[in-house]
N, C-alpha and C. Protein backbone atom coordinates (compact mmCIF):
# COMPACT_ATOMS: atom_id res chain seq x y z
N MET A 1 -44.52 10.05 -65.33
CA MET A 1 -44.24 9.14 -64.20
C MET A 1 -42.91 8.56 -64.48
N HIS A 2 -42.41 8.45 -65.63
CA HIS A 2 -41.18 7.93 -65.94
C HIS A 2 -40.03 8.78 -65.30
N ILE A 3 -40.20 10.06 -65.16
CA ILE A 3 -39.13 10.91 -64.52
C ILE A 3 -39.21 10.64 -62.93
N HIS A 4 -40.20 10.34 -62.36
CA HIS A 4 -40.26 10.04 -60.96
C HIS A 4 -39.39 8.70 -60.66
N LEU A 5 -39.54 7.73 -61.49
CA LEU A 5 -38.69 6.45 -61.37
C LEU A 5 -37.26 6.67 -61.43
N ALA A 6 -36.84 7.60 -62.38
CA ALA A 6 -35.37 7.83 -62.53
C ALA A 6 -34.84 8.54 -61.34
N HIS A 7 -35.72 9.43 -60.75
CA HIS A 7 -35.19 10.09 -59.59
C HIS A 7 -35.19 9.15 -58.35
N SER A 8 -35.92 8.22 -58.29
CA SER A 8 -36.10 7.21 -57.23
C SER A 8 -34.86 6.32 -57.29
N ARG A 9 -34.46 5.93 -58.51
CA ARG A 9 -33.29 4.99 -58.56
C ARG A 9 -32.00 5.89 -58.16
N ALA A 10 -31.87 7.19 -58.51
CA ALA A 10 -30.72 7.89 -58.14
C ALA A 10 -30.64 8.12 -56.73
N GLN A 11 -31.76 8.17 -55.97
CA GLN A 11 -31.65 8.35 -54.56
C GLN A 11 -31.20 7.02 -53.92
N LYS A 12 -31.65 5.89 -54.44
CA LYS A 12 -31.25 4.54 -53.83
C LYS A 12 -29.69 4.47 -53.95
N GLY A 13 -29.14 4.85 -55.01
CA GLY A 13 -27.60 4.83 -55.20
C GLY A 13 -26.87 5.71 -54.28
N ALA A 14 -27.50 6.97 -53.98
CA ALA A 14 -26.89 7.93 -53.20
C ALA A 14 -26.94 7.35 -51.63
N THR A 15 -27.93 6.65 -51.31
CA THR A 15 -28.02 6.08 -50.00
C THR A 15 -26.91 5.13 -49.65
N LEU A 16 -26.61 4.29 -50.69
CA LEU A 16 -25.47 3.42 -50.49
C LEU A 16 -24.22 4.15 -50.42
N ILE A 17 -23.88 5.21 -51.16
CA ILE A 17 -22.64 5.87 -51.04
C ILE A 17 -22.61 6.64 -49.79
N VAL A 18 -23.68 7.22 -49.28
CA VAL A 18 -23.66 7.94 -47.92
C VAL A 18 -23.28 6.89 -46.93
N ALA A 19 -23.92 5.70 -46.98
CA ALA A 19 -23.83 4.62 -45.87
C ALA A 19 -22.27 4.25 -45.95
N LEU A 20 -21.73 4.07 -47.02
CA LEU A 20 -20.35 3.58 -47.16
C LEU A 20 -19.36 4.68 -46.68
N VAL A 21 -19.58 5.96 -46.90
CA VAL A 21 -18.70 7.09 -46.37
C VAL A 21 -18.96 7.13 -44.89
N PHE A 22 -20.16 7.02 -44.38
CA PHE A 22 -20.47 6.89 -42.87
C PHE A 22 -19.63 5.78 -42.14
N LEU A 23 -19.71 4.61 -42.79
CA LEU A 23 -18.94 3.45 -42.34
C LEU A 23 -17.46 3.71 -42.34
N LEU A 24 -16.88 4.34 -43.30
CA LEU A 24 -15.54 4.58 -43.44
C LEU A 24 -15.12 5.60 -42.30
N VAL A 25 -16.00 6.69 -42.05
CA VAL A 25 -15.62 7.51 -40.90
C VAL A 25 -15.69 6.90 -39.63
N LEU A 26 -16.64 6.02 -39.34
CA LEU A 26 -16.66 5.32 -38.12
C LEU A 26 -15.41 4.29 -38.01
N THR A 27 -15.00 3.67 -39.05
CA THR A 27 -13.77 2.90 -39.01
C THR A 27 -12.53 3.74 -38.63
N ILE A 28 -12.40 4.90 -39.34
CA ILE A 28 -11.27 5.66 -38.98
C ILE A 28 -11.32 6.15 -37.55
N ALA A 29 -12.46 6.49 -36.96
CA ALA A 29 -12.59 6.88 -35.56
C ALA A 29 -12.28 5.78 -34.69
N GLY A 30 -12.69 4.57 -34.97
CA GLY A 30 -12.38 3.43 -34.15
C GLY A 30 -10.89 3.07 -34.13
N VAL A 31 -10.24 3.15 -35.31
CA VAL A 31 -8.69 2.83 -35.31
C VAL A 31 -7.97 3.97 -34.66
N THR A 32 -8.41 5.18 -34.68
CA THR A 32 -7.71 6.30 -33.94
C THR A 32 -7.87 6.12 -32.46
N ALA A 33 -8.98 5.68 -32.03
CA ALA A 33 -9.34 5.56 -30.64
C ALA A 33 -8.44 4.36 -30.11
N MET A 34 -8.34 3.33 -30.91
CA MET A 34 -7.53 2.21 -30.44
C MET A 34 -5.97 2.51 -30.38
N ARG A 35 -5.55 3.37 -31.31
CA ARG A 35 -4.14 3.80 -31.13
C ARG A 35 -3.91 4.67 -30.07
N PHE A 36 -4.87 5.58 -29.69
CA PHE A 36 -4.65 6.39 -28.52
C PHE A 36 -4.69 5.61 -27.24
N SER A 37 -5.60 4.55 -27.15
CA SER A 37 -5.54 3.70 -25.95
C SER A 37 -4.30 2.87 -25.68
N THR A 38 -3.73 2.44 -26.87
CA THR A 38 -2.37 1.67 -26.83
C THR A 38 -1.39 2.60 -26.40
N PHE A 39 -1.36 3.85 -26.96
CA PHE A 39 -0.28 4.81 -26.53
C PHE A 39 -0.36 5.16 -25.00
N GLU A 40 -1.66 5.33 -24.50
CA GLU A 40 -1.74 5.68 -23.18
C GLU A 40 -1.32 4.51 -22.25
N GLU A 41 -1.62 3.25 -22.67
CA GLU A 41 -1.17 2.12 -21.86
C GLU A 41 0.37 2.03 -21.84
N ARG A 42 1.01 2.36 -22.92
CA ARG A 42 2.53 2.37 -22.94
C ARG A 42 2.98 3.40 -21.94
N MET A 43 2.32 4.63 -21.97
CA MET A 43 2.82 5.64 -20.98
C MET A 43 2.71 5.28 -19.63
N ALA A 44 1.48 4.63 -19.27
CA ALA A 44 1.27 4.16 -17.92
C ALA A 44 2.32 3.09 -17.51
N SER A 45 2.57 2.24 -18.43
CA SER A 45 3.62 1.21 -18.10
C SER A 45 5.00 1.71 -17.92
N ASN A 46 5.33 2.67 -18.76
CA ASN A 46 6.71 3.25 -18.58
C ASN A 46 6.74 3.99 -17.20
N SER A 47 5.67 4.69 -16.85
CA SER A 47 5.66 5.40 -15.55
C SER A 47 5.76 4.40 -14.39
N GLN A 48 5.16 3.35 -14.53
CA GLN A 48 5.23 2.23 -13.44
C GLN A 48 6.60 1.79 -13.38
N PHE A 49 7.32 1.48 -14.59
CA PHE A 49 8.67 0.97 -14.57
C PHE A 49 9.65 2.08 -13.97
N ARG A 50 9.46 3.30 -14.27
CA ARG A 50 10.36 4.36 -13.83
C ARG A 50 10.19 4.42 -12.23
N ASN A 51 8.97 4.36 -11.75
CA ASN A 51 8.76 4.39 -10.36
C ASN A 51 9.41 3.11 -9.64
N GLN A 52 9.27 2.00 -10.27
CA GLN A 52 9.73 0.77 -9.61
C GLN A 52 11.32 0.91 -9.40
N VAL A 53 12.04 1.27 -10.57
CA VAL A 53 13.51 1.32 -10.46
C VAL A 53 13.87 2.54 -9.53
N PHE A 54 13.18 3.56 -9.44
CA PHE A 54 13.47 4.59 -8.59
C PHE A 54 13.42 4.14 -7.11
N GLN A 55 12.35 3.45 -6.84
CA GLN A 55 12.22 2.94 -5.47
C GLN A 55 13.32 1.86 -5.13
N GLN A 56 13.65 0.96 -6.13
CA GLN A 56 14.80 0.04 -5.91
C GLN A 56 15.95 0.74 -5.62
N ALA A 57 16.34 1.78 -6.42
CA ALA A 57 17.61 2.55 -6.16
C ALA A 57 17.64 3.18 -4.74
N GLN A 58 16.49 3.80 -4.38
CA GLN A 58 16.34 4.36 -3.08
C GLN A 58 16.59 3.45 -1.99
N ASN A 59 15.90 2.34 -2.12
CA ASN A 59 15.97 1.19 -1.15
C ASN A 59 17.49 0.80 -0.94
N GLU A 60 18.17 0.67 -2.05
CA GLU A 60 19.52 0.23 -2.01
C GLU A 60 20.30 1.31 -1.24
N LEU A 61 20.13 2.62 -1.53
CA LEU A 61 20.85 3.63 -0.80
C LEU A 61 20.62 3.57 0.75
N ARG A 62 19.40 3.32 1.06
CA ARG A 62 18.99 3.14 2.46
C ARG A 62 19.61 1.98 3.11
N ALA A 63 19.56 0.93 2.46
CA ALA A 63 20.27 -0.28 2.97
C ALA A 63 21.77 -0.14 3.18
N GLN A 64 22.45 0.48 2.23
CA GLN A 64 23.82 0.79 2.34
C GLN A 64 24.21 1.74 3.47
N LEU A 65 23.40 2.72 3.74
CA LEU A 65 23.53 3.61 4.93
C LEU A 65 23.35 2.85 6.15
N LEU A 66 22.34 2.01 6.28
CA LEU A 66 22.11 1.30 7.48
C LEU A 66 23.30 0.37 7.73
N ALA A 67 23.82 -0.26 6.71
CA ALA A 67 24.92 -1.28 6.85
C ALA A 67 26.25 -0.45 7.32
N PHE A 68 26.48 0.75 6.79
CA PHE A 68 27.56 1.51 7.14
C PHE A 68 27.47 1.92 8.72
N ASN A 69 26.28 2.11 9.11
CA ASN A 69 25.98 2.60 10.50
C ASN A 69 25.84 1.46 11.51
N THR A 70 25.85 0.17 10.98
CA THR A 70 25.56 -0.99 11.90
C THR A 70 26.82 -1.29 12.57
N ASN A 71 28.01 -1.53 11.92
CA ASN A 71 29.31 -1.78 12.51
C ASN A 71 30.41 -1.27 11.66
N LEU A 72 31.62 -1.27 12.27
CA LEU A 72 32.73 -0.72 11.67
C LEU A 72 33.23 -1.66 10.50
N ALA A 73 33.02 -2.98 10.62
CA ALA A 73 33.44 -3.78 9.46
C ALA A 73 32.73 -3.54 8.15
N ASN A 74 31.57 -3.01 8.23
CA ASN A 74 30.70 -2.63 6.98
C ASN A 74 31.28 -1.34 6.33
N ARG A 75 32.21 -0.71 6.98
CA ARG A 75 32.77 0.51 6.50
C ARG A 75 33.99 0.30 5.60
N ALA A 76 34.35 -0.90 5.26
CA ALA A 76 35.45 -1.19 4.43
C ALA A 76 35.49 -0.44 3.08
N PRO A 77 34.33 -0.45 2.45
CA PRO A 77 34.31 0.33 1.18
C PRO A 77 34.61 1.80 1.35
N LEU A 78 34.27 2.40 2.55
CA LEU A 78 34.61 3.81 2.75
C LEU A 78 36.11 3.94 2.97
N LEU A 79 36.72 3.02 3.63
CA LEU A 79 38.08 3.09 3.92
C LEU A 79 38.80 2.94 2.44
N ALA A 80 38.38 2.02 1.64
CA ALA A 80 38.96 1.77 0.30
C ALA A 80 38.82 3.15 -0.47
N ALA A 81 37.70 3.72 -0.42
CA ALA A 81 37.46 5.00 -1.16
C ALA A 81 38.46 6.01 -0.64
N MET A 82 38.72 6.09 0.66
CA MET A 82 39.62 7.14 1.12
C MET A 82 41.07 6.85 0.71
N ALA A 83 41.39 5.57 0.34
CA ALA A 83 42.67 5.33 -0.11
C ALA A 83 42.91 5.97 -1.51
N PHE A 84 41.90 6.25 -2.21
CA PHE A 84 42.03 7.01 -3.57
C PHE A 84 42.04 8.48 -3.38
N LYS A 85 41.95 9.05 -2.23
CA LYS A 85 41.83 10.54 -2.17
C LYS A 85 43.00 11.34 -2.59
N GLY A 86 44.11 10.73 -2.51
CA GLY A 86 45.32 11.46 -2.95
C GLY A 86 45.76 11.10 -4.45
N THR A 87 44.89 10.47 -5.15
CA THR A 87 45.25 10.02 -6.52
C THR A 87 45.39 11.27 -7.44
N PRO A 88 46.49 11.41 -8.15
CA PRO A 88 46.53 12.67 -9.02
C PRO A 88 45.59 12.60 -10.14
N LYS A 89 45.08 13.94 -10.47
CA LYS A 89 44.00 13.99 -11.50
C LYS A 89 44.53 14.81 -12.59
N THR A 90 43.94 14.49 -13.80
CA THR A 90 44.33 15.40 -14.95
C THR A 90 43.39 16.57 -14.87
N ALA A 91 43.73 17.57 -15.62
CA ALA A 91 42.92 18.82 -15.63
C ALA A 91 41.55 18.56 -16.19
N GLU A 92 41.40 17.57 -17.11
CA GLU A 92 40.05 17.19 -17.50
C GLU A 92 39.17 16.65 -16.37
N GLU A 93 39.74 15.75 -15.63
CA GLU A 93 39.07 15.13 -14.47
C GLU A 93 38.70 16.19 -13.45
N VAL A 94 39.55 17.11 -13.06
CA VAL A 94 39.26 18.14 -12.18
C VAL A 94 38.06 18.97 -12.71
N THR A 95 38.10 19.41 -14.08
CA THR A 95 36.99 20.11 -14.70
C THR A 95 35.76 19.40 -14.55
N ALA A 96 35.70 17.98 -14.82
CA ALA A 96 34.55 17.24 -14.77
C ALA A 96 34.02 17.15 -13.43
N LEU A 97 34.83 17.02 -12.46
CA LEU A 97 34.37 17.10 -11.02
C LEU A 97 33.66 18.36 -10.58
N LYS A 98 34.32 19.45 -10.98
CA LYS A 98 33.85 20.77 -10.61
C LYS A 98 32.51 20.99 -11.45
N SER A 99 32.27 20.44 -12.48
CA SER A 99 31.03 20.69 -13.36
C SER A 99 29.93 20.07 -12.67
N VAL A 100 30.08 19.00 -11.87
CA VAL A 100 28.92 18.45 -11.17
C VAL A 100 28.98 18.79 -9.71
N GLY A 101 29.75 19.93 -9.31
CA GLY A 101 29.67 20.43 -7.98
C GLY A 101 30.63 19.67 -6.90
N LEU A 102 31.51 18.80 -7.41
CA LEU A 102 32.38 18.09 -6.45
C LEU A 102 33.74 18.70 -6.45
N PRO A 103 34.33 18.79 -5.25
CA PRO A 103 35.72 19.48 -5.17
C PRO A 103 36.73 18.64 -5.82
N ALA A 104 38.00 19.23 -6.15
CA ALA A 104 38.99 18.59 -6.76
C ALA A 104 39.56 17.45 -5.91
N THR A 105 39.35 17.47 -4.70
CA THR A 105 39.89 16.46 -3.69
C THR A 105 39.10 15.07 -3.86
N THR A 106 38.01 15.00 -4.56
CA THR A 106 37.18 13.87 -4.79
C THR A 106 37.99 12.75 -5.33
N GLY A 107 37.81 11.59 -4.65
CA GLY A 107 38.52 10.34 -5.19
C GLY A 107 37.83 9.56 -6.25
N ALA A 108 38.42 8.46 -6.57
CA ALA A 108 37.89 7.54 -7.57
C ALA A 108 36.76 6.84 -6.91
N THR A 109 35.79 6.22 -7.71
CA THR A 109 34.73 5.51 -7.22
C THR A 109 35.25 4.12 -6.92
N VAL A 110 34.62 3.48 -5.83
CA VAL A 110 34.88 2.14 -5.36
C VAL A 110 33.56 1.41 -5.44
N GLY A 111 33.60 0.19 -5.96
CA GLY A 111 32.41 -0.62 -6.07
C GLY A 111 31.90 -1.17 -4.83
N ILE A 112 30.57 -1.17 -4.61
CA ILE A 112 29.92 -1.84 -3.36
C ILE A 112 29.17 -2.91 -3.74
N THR A 113 29.11 -4.06 -3.08
CA THR A 113 28.24 -5.11 -3.25
C THR A 113 26.86 -4.69 -2.99
N PRO A 114 25.83 -4.86 -3.90
CA PRO A 114 24.45 -4.62 -3.55
C PRO A 114 23.94 -5.41 -2.38
N ILE A 115 23.12 -4.89 -1.57
CA ILE A 115 22.56 -5.41 -0.35
C ILE A 115 21.17 -6.08 -0.58
N THR A 116 20.35 -5.27 -1.36
CA THR A 116 19.01 -5.73 -1.47
C THR A 116 18.65 -6.73 -2.51
N GLY A 117 19.69 -7.26 -3.20
CA GLY A 117 19.45 -8.28 -4.18
C GLY A 117 18.70 -7.85 -5.43
N THR A 118 18.72 -6.55 -5.68
CA THR A 118 18.15 -5.96 -6.88
C THR A 118 18.80 -6.45 -8.09
N VAL A 119 18.20 -6.87 -9.00
CA VAL A 119 18.73 -7.45 -10.29
C VAL A 119 19.22 -6.20 -11.03
N GLY A 120 20.32 -6.23 -11.63
CA GLY A 120 20.95 -5.04 -12.43
C GLY A 120 21.38 -3.94 -11.49
N ALA A 121 21.51 -4.10 -10.20
CA ALA A 121 21.98 -3.04 -9.34
C ALA A 121 23.55 -2.81 -9.51
N SER A 122 23.93 -1.69 -9.40
CA SER A 122 25.35 -1.44 -9.21
C SER A 122 25.61 -0.17 -8.29
N ASN A 123 26.45 -0.38 -7.43
CA ASN A 123 26.68 0.68 -6.33
C ASN A 123 28.18 1.13 -6.31
N THR A 124 28.29 2.47 -6.05
CA THR A 124 29.65 2.94 -5.92
C THR A 124 29.66 3.86 -4.74
N VAL A 125 30.89 4.04 -4.15
CA VAL A 125 31.04 5.15 -3.18
C VAL A 125 32.39 5.89 -3.52
N ARG A 126 32.50 7.16 -3.11
CA ARG A 126 33.71 7.89 -3.40
C ARG A 126 33.89 8.80 -2.25
N TYR A 127 35.17 9.05 -1.98
CA TYR A 127 35.61 10.03 -1.02
C TYR A 127 35.42 11.40 -1.64
N VAL A 128 34.92 12.35 -0.80
CA VAL A 128 34.74 13.70 -1.46
C VAL A 128 35.71 14.69 -0.74
N GLN A 129 35.53 14.81 0.63
CA GLN A 129 36.54 15.78 1.21
C GLN A 129 36.53 15.40 2.82
N GLU A 130 37.47 16.06 3.49
CA GLU A 130 37.70 16.04 4.96
C GLU A 130 37.60 17.39 5.34
N LYS A 131 36.75 17.66 6.33
CA LYS A 131 36.59 19.06 6.82
C LYS A 131 36.23 19.12 8.25
N PRO A 132 36.36 20.31 8.90
CA PRO A 132 35.97 20.42 10.32
C PRO A 132 34.32 20.26 10.35
N CYS A 133 33.98 19.65 11.49
CA CYS A 133 32.55 19.35 11.62
C CYS A 133 31.82 20.53 11.94
N ASP A 134 30.54 20.72 11.32
CA ASP A 134 29.83 21.91 11.43
C ASP A 134 28.79 21.81 12.70
N ASP A 135 28.87 20.79 13.48
CA ASP A 135 27.83 20.59 14.51
C ASP A 135 28.30 21.14 15.81
N GLY A 136 29.42 21.87 15.94
CA GLY A 136 29.95 22.43 17.12
C GLY A 136 30.80 21.48 17.95
N SER A 137 31.07 20.37 17.51
CA SER A 137 31.92 19.38 18.33
C SER A 137 33.29 19.94 18.26
N SER A 138 34.04 19.35 19.16
CA SER A 138 35.42 19.86 19.40
C SER A 138 36.26 19.79 18.04
N ILE A 139 36.74 20.99 17.52
CA ILE A 139 37.50 20.92 16.28
C ILE A 139 38.78 20.04 16.49
N GLU A 140 39.30 20.11 17.74
CA GLU A 140 40.62 19.40 17.94
C GLU A 140 40.41 17.90 18.05
N ARG A 141 39.19 17.42 18.25
CA ARG A 141 38.98 15.92 18.57
C ARG A 141 38.41 15.22 17.31
N PHE A 142 37.52 15.85 16.49
CA PHE A 142 36.83 15.18 15.50
C PHE A 142 37.06 15.92 14.22
N VAL A 143 36.87 15.12 13.17
CA VAL A 143 36.88 15.54 11.68
C VAL A 143 35.72 14.93 11.04
N CYS A 144 35.06 15.65 10.11
CA CYS A 144 33.99 15.02 9.28
C CYS A 144 34.50 14.69 7.95
N ILE A 145 34.16 13.51 7.43
CA ILE A 145 34.50 12.96 6.15
C ILE A 145 33.27 12.86 5.31
N ASP A 146 33.29 13.63 4.14
CA ASP A 146 32.11 13.46 3.29
C ASP A 146 32.35 12.41 2.17
N PHE A 147 31.33 11.71 1.88
CA PHE A 147 31.39 10.69 0.86
C PHE A 147 30.15 10.81 -0.05
N GLN A 148 30.26 10.40 -1.25
CA GLN A 148 29.24 10.32 -2.18
C GLN A 148 28.84 8.89 -2.60
N MET A 149 27.68 8.51 -2.44
CA MET A 149 27.33 7.00 -2.78
C MET A 149 26.31 7.15 -3.95
N GLU A 150 26.47 6.24 -4.88
CA GLU A 150 25.48 6.16 -6.02
C GLU A 150 24.96 4.71 -6.10
N ALA A 151 23.69 4.61 -6.54
CA ALA A 151 23.07 3.32 -6.59
C ALA A 151 22.31 3.36 -7.92
N LYS A 152 22.44 2.32 -8.69
CA LYS A 152 21.75 2.15 -10.00
C LYS A 152 21.04 0.91 -9.97
N ALA A 153 19.68 1.04 -10.27
CA ALA A 153 18.83 -0.10 -10.41
C ALA A 153 18.36 -0.18 -11.86
N GLU A 154 18.35 -1.33 -12.54
CA GLU A 154 17.92 -1.50 -13.87
C GLU A 154 17.01 -2.73 -14.08
N LEU A 155 15.98 -2.54 -14.98
CA LEU A 155 15.11 -3.66 -15.14
C LEU A 155 15.71 -4.34 -16.59
N ALA A 156 15.07 -5.48 -16.80
CA ALA A 156 15.36 -6.23 -18.08
C ALA A 156 14.92 -5.43 -19.31
N SER A 157 13.91 -4.59 -19.21
CA SER A 157 13.41 -3.76 -20.29
C SER A 157 14.40 -2.64 -20.67
N GLY A 158 15.36 -2.36 -19.78
CA GLY A 158 16.30 -1.33 -20.12
C GLY A 158 15.97 -0.06 -19.30
N THR A 159 14.92 0.02 -18.56
CA THR A 159 14.63 1.08 -17.68
C THR A 159 15.51 1.06 -16.50
N TYR A 160 16.15 2.33 -16.19
CA TYR A 160 17.06 2.39 -15.13
C TYR A 160 16.87 3.66 -14.29
N SER A 161 17.32 3.68 -13.13
CA SER A 161 17.39 4.85 -12.32
C SER A 161 18.71 4.88 -11.58
N TRP A 162 19.37 6.10 -11.62
CA TRP A 162 20.66 6.25 -11.03
C TRP A 162 20.54 7.22 -9.94
N GLN A 163 20.66 6.91 -8.72
CA GLN A 163 20.45 7.73 -7.63
C GLN A 163 21.74 8.15 -6.86
N SER A 164 21.89 9.28 -6.31
CA SER A 164 23.17 9.62 -5.72
C SER A 164 22.79 10.25 -4.35
N GLN A 165 23.66 10.05 -3.28
CA GLN A 165 23.36 10.64 -1.99
C GLN A 165 24.72 10.95 -1.36
N GLY A 166 24.71 12.06 -0.68
CA GLY A 166 25.99 12.40 0.20
C GLY A 166 25.82 11.89 1.60
N MET A 167 26.86 11.69 2.17
CA MET A 167 26.80 11.15 3.53
C MET A 167 28.17 11.75 4.30
N THR A 168 28.04 11.94 5.59
CA THR A 168 29.11 12.50 6.33
C THR A 168 29.26 11.60 7.53
N PHE A 169 30.63 11.23 7.75
CA PHE A 169 30.86 10.41 8.97
C PHE A 169 31.87 11.25 9.78
N GLN A 170 31.54 11.22 11.16
CA GLN A 170 32.39 12.03 12.14
C GLN A 170 33.43 11.03 12.60
N ASN A 171 34.69 11.36 12.63
CA ASN A 171 35.70 10.43 12.88
C ASN A 171 36.71 11.23 13.83
N ASN A 172 37.26 10.37 14.84
CA ASN A 172 38.30 10.95 15.63
C ASN A 172 39.56 11.22 14.75
N LYS A 173 40.20 12.32 15.34
CA LYS A 173 41.41 12.75 14.63
C LYS A 173 42.55 11.86 14.81
């Protein structure tokens, strides 16, 4: 009978060790689940911030286009950008322009005041080229002038979106 008691005491100790190991495994699983949920929350937050600044930059581009089309006085930045079209460029500047698909005639950027009041916004416009209009209008009466406009929106967290859009204005010769 003495052997049976020794075996019973050994089992009681084993139960404690198994319970502690099981508790350790559950703790590790809980910490891992918590880390994954925190990581997913950060990813969702970053996605929301990226979408927000993208929409702000797009909104600024649309507002600038509307302002340019509203009246001639709002086209002053375009006229300022055209003043830089004849600026001489270095070989490096020409290579940089061609690397992003812009012709060598592209002028320097001119700053534009943001319209939408977006915090951290910065806008620029640049003259790209003057060409005959593709819409079949009289080649002798009109010329089409291409511009590139960029809008940047930025949040305090450092998230930003830089959007670019081309536009063409038909002008009398």
